[in-house]
Amino acid sequence: MVALIRKNSLYLGADSAGPRFAACLSILRSCRLARINPADYLTDITPTLIRWRQRQRARLPTPDLADLTPKRWAAERHDSIRSAC
């Protein structure tokens, strides 16, 4: 898979695609290091990011994005699972 990503990343199509691609790979790697499923993480945090962007556009106070990192997300989710048991 790594070789395929390296080959495909040579042709991103636009100048702005490079940083976005790098951000996506960074998120996936952070999830892997935190030992969480990237699909679960992205499914849970995507609505939060959409609301954050809407609040930012409306110039309303926004929550800290550092709370949405995979490591903090996993710790928070682990605590909520433990308290539900």
C-alpha atoms as a PDB file:
ATOM      1  CA  MET A   1       0.000   0.000   0.000  1.00  0.00           C
ATOM      2  CA  VAL A   2       2.834   2.402   0.799  1.00  0.00           C
ATOM      3  CA  ALA A   3       4.330   1.942  -2.660  1.00  0.00           C
ATOM      4  CA  LEU A   4       0.938   2.653  -4.240  1.00  0.00           C
ATOM      5  CA  ILE A   5       0.517   5.836  -2.197  1.00  0.00           C
ATOM      6  CA  ARG A   6       4.011   6.993  -3.164  1.00  0.00           C
ATOM      7  CA  LYS A   7       3.316   6.381  -6.830  1.00  0.00           C
ATOM      8  CA  ASN A   8      -0.110   8.052  -6.790  1.00  0.00           C
ATOM      9  CA  SER A   9       1.053  11.021  -4.754  1.00  0.00           C
ATOM     10  CA  LEU A  10       3.388  12.073  -7.561  1.00  0.00           C
ATOM     11  CA  TYR A  11       0.349  13.285  -9.506  1.00  0.00           C
ATOM     12  CA  LEU A  12      -1.947  15.188  -7.190  1.00  0.00           C
ATOM     13  CA  GLY A  13      -3.489  17.315  -9.921  1.00  0.00           C
ATOM     14  CA  ALA A  14      -3.388  20.745  -8.275  1.00  0.00           C
ATOM     15  CA  ASP A  15      -0.969  22.786  -6.201  1.00  0.00           C
ATOM     16  CA  SER A  16      -3.423  22.966  -3.306  1.00  0.00           C
ATOM     17  CA  ALA A  17      -3.852  19.176  -3.267  1.00  0.00           C
ATOM     18  CA  GLY A  18      -0.375  18.539  -1.848  1.00  0.00           C
ATOM     19  CA  PRO A  19      -0.940  20.076   1.594  1.00  0.00           C
ATOM     20  CA  ARG A  20      -4.403  18.504   1.819  1.00  0.00           C
ATOM     21  CA  PHE A  21      -3.011  15.093   0.950  1.00  0.00           C
ATOM     22  CA  ALA A  22      -0.266  15.538   3.543  1.00  0.00           C
ATOM     23  CA  ALA A  23      -2.868  16.498   6.168  1.00  0.00           C
ATOM     24  CA  CYS A  24      -4.923  13.387   5.376  1.00  0.00           C
ATOM     25  CA  LEU A  25      -1.881  11.139   5.675  1.00  0.00           C
ATOM     26  CA  SER A  26      -0.929  12.857   8.926  1.00  0.00           C
ATOM     27  CA  ILE A  27      -4.372  12.167  10.389  1.00  0.00           C
ATOM     28  CA  LEU A  28      -4.230   8.524   9.299  1.00  0.00           C
ATOM     29  CA  ARG A  29      -0.768   8.098  10.808  1.00  0.00           C
ATOM     30  CA  SER A  30      -1.827   9.763  14.063  1.00  0.00           C
ATOM     31  CA  CYS A  31      -4.782   7.366  14.283  1.00  0.00           C
ATOM     32  CA  ARG A  32      -2.468   4.442  13.705  1.00  0.00           C
ATOM     33  CA  LEU A  33      -0.096   5.613  16.433  1.00  0.00           C
ATOM     34  CA  ALA A  34      -3.021   6.036  18.840  1.00  0.00           C
ATOM     35  CA  ARG A  35      -4.228   2.539  17.863  1.00  0.00           C
ATOM     36  CA  ILE A  36      -7.671   3.668  16.806  1.00  0.00           C
ATOM     37  CA  ASN A  37      -9.680   2.945  13.686  1.00  0.00           C
ATOM     38  CA  PRO A  38      -9.417   5.981  11.362  1.00  0.00           C
ATOM     39  CA  ALA A  39     -12.939   5.369  10.021  1.00  0.00           C
ATOM     40  CA  ASP A  40     -14.432   5.530  13.534  1.00  0.00           C
ATOM     41  CA  TYR A  41     -12.433   8.635  14.332  1.00  0.00           C
ATOM     42  CA  LEU A  42     -13.363  10.470  11.136  1.00  0.00           C
ATOM     43  CA  THR A  43     -17.033   9.448  11.399  1.00  0.00           C
ATOM     44  CA  ASP A  44     -17.219  10.852  14.922  1.00  0.00           C
ATOM     45  CA  ILE A  45     -15.284  14.081  14.403  1.00  0.00           C
ATOM     46  CA  THR A  46     -16.520  15.157  10.945  1.00  0.00           C
ATOM     47  CA  PRO A  47     -19.807  16.681  12.216  1.00  0.00           C
ATOM     48  CA  THR A  48     -17.831  18.517  14.902  1.00  0.00           C
ATOM     49  CA  LEU A  49     -15.473  19.949  12.295  1.00  0.00           C
ATOM     50  CA  ILE A  50     -18.413  21.081  10.158  1.00  0.00           C
ATOM     51  CA  ARG A  51     -19.999  22.850  13.139  1.00  0.00           C
ATOM     52  CA  TRP A  52     -16.603  24.373  14.020  1.00  0.00           C
ATOM     53  CA  ARG A  53     -16.247  25.761  10.486  1.00  0.00           C
ATOM     54  CA  GLN A  54     -19.776  27.215  10.550  1.00  0.00           C
ATOM     55  CA  ARG A  55     -19.091  28.910  13.884  1.00  0.00           C
ATOM     56  CA  GLN A  56     -15.800  30.256  12.560  1.00  0.00           C
ATOM     57  CA  ARG A  57     -17.503  31.735   9.499  1.00  0.00           C
ATOM     58  CA  ALA A  58     -20.158  33.338  11.707  1.00  0.00           C
ATOM     59  CA  ARG A  59     -17.345  34.750  13.871  1.00  0.00           C
ATOM     60  CA  LEU A  60     -18.606  32.961  16.965  1.00  0.00           C
ATOM     61  CA  PRO A  61     -16.304  31.511  19.625  1.00  0.00           C
ATOM     62  CA  THR A  62     -14.966  28.144  18.545  1.00  0.00           C
ATOM     63  CA  PRO A  63     -13.782  25.221  20.669  1.00  0.00           C
ATOM     64  CA  ASP A  64     -10.132  24.275  20.778  1.00  0.00           C
ATOM     65  CA  LEU A  65      -9.192  22.005  17.875  1.00  0.00           C
ATOM     66  CA  ALA A  66      -6.467  20.390  19.986  1.00  0.00           C
ATOM     67  CA  ASP A  67      -9.242  18.485  21.756  1.00  0.00           C
ATOM     68  CA  LEU A  68      -9.996  16.709  18.481  1.00  0.00           C
ATOM     69  CA  THR A  69      -6.597  15.110  17.966  1.00  0.00           C
ATOM     70  CA  PRO A  70      -6.715  11.322  17.658  1.00  0.00           C
ATOM     71  CA  LYS A  71      -4.830  10.829  20.928  1.00  0.00           C
ATOM     72  CA  ARG A  72      -7.185  13.014  22.965  1.00  0.00           C
ATOM     73  CA  TRP A  73     -10.217  11.614  21.149  1.00  0.00           C
ATOM     74  CA  ALA A  74      -9.146   8.059  22.021  1.00  0.00           C
ATOM     75  CA  ALA A  75      -8.556   8.976  25.677  1.00  0.00           C
ATOM     76  CA  GLU A  76     -11.955  10.681  25.938  1.00  0.00           C
ATOM     77  CA  ARG A  77     -13.713   7.794  24.236  1.00  0.00           C
ATOM     78  CA  HIS A  78     -11.927   5.273  26.463  1.00  0.00           C
ATOM     79  CA  ASP A  79     -13.106   7.152  29.565  1.00  0.00           C
ATOM     80  CA  SER A  80     -16.706   7.290  28.308  1.00  0.00           C
ATOM     81  CA  ILE A  81     -16.688   3.565  27.464  1.00  0.00           C
ATOM     82  CA  ARG A  82     -15.262   2.727  30.868  1.00  0.00           C
ATOM     83  CA  SER A  83     -17.886   4.835  32.659  1.00  0.00           C
ATOM     84  CA  ALA A  84     -20.717   3.217  30.651  1.00  0.00           C
ATOM     85  CA  CYS A  85     -19.726  -0.284  31.784  1.00  0.00           C
END
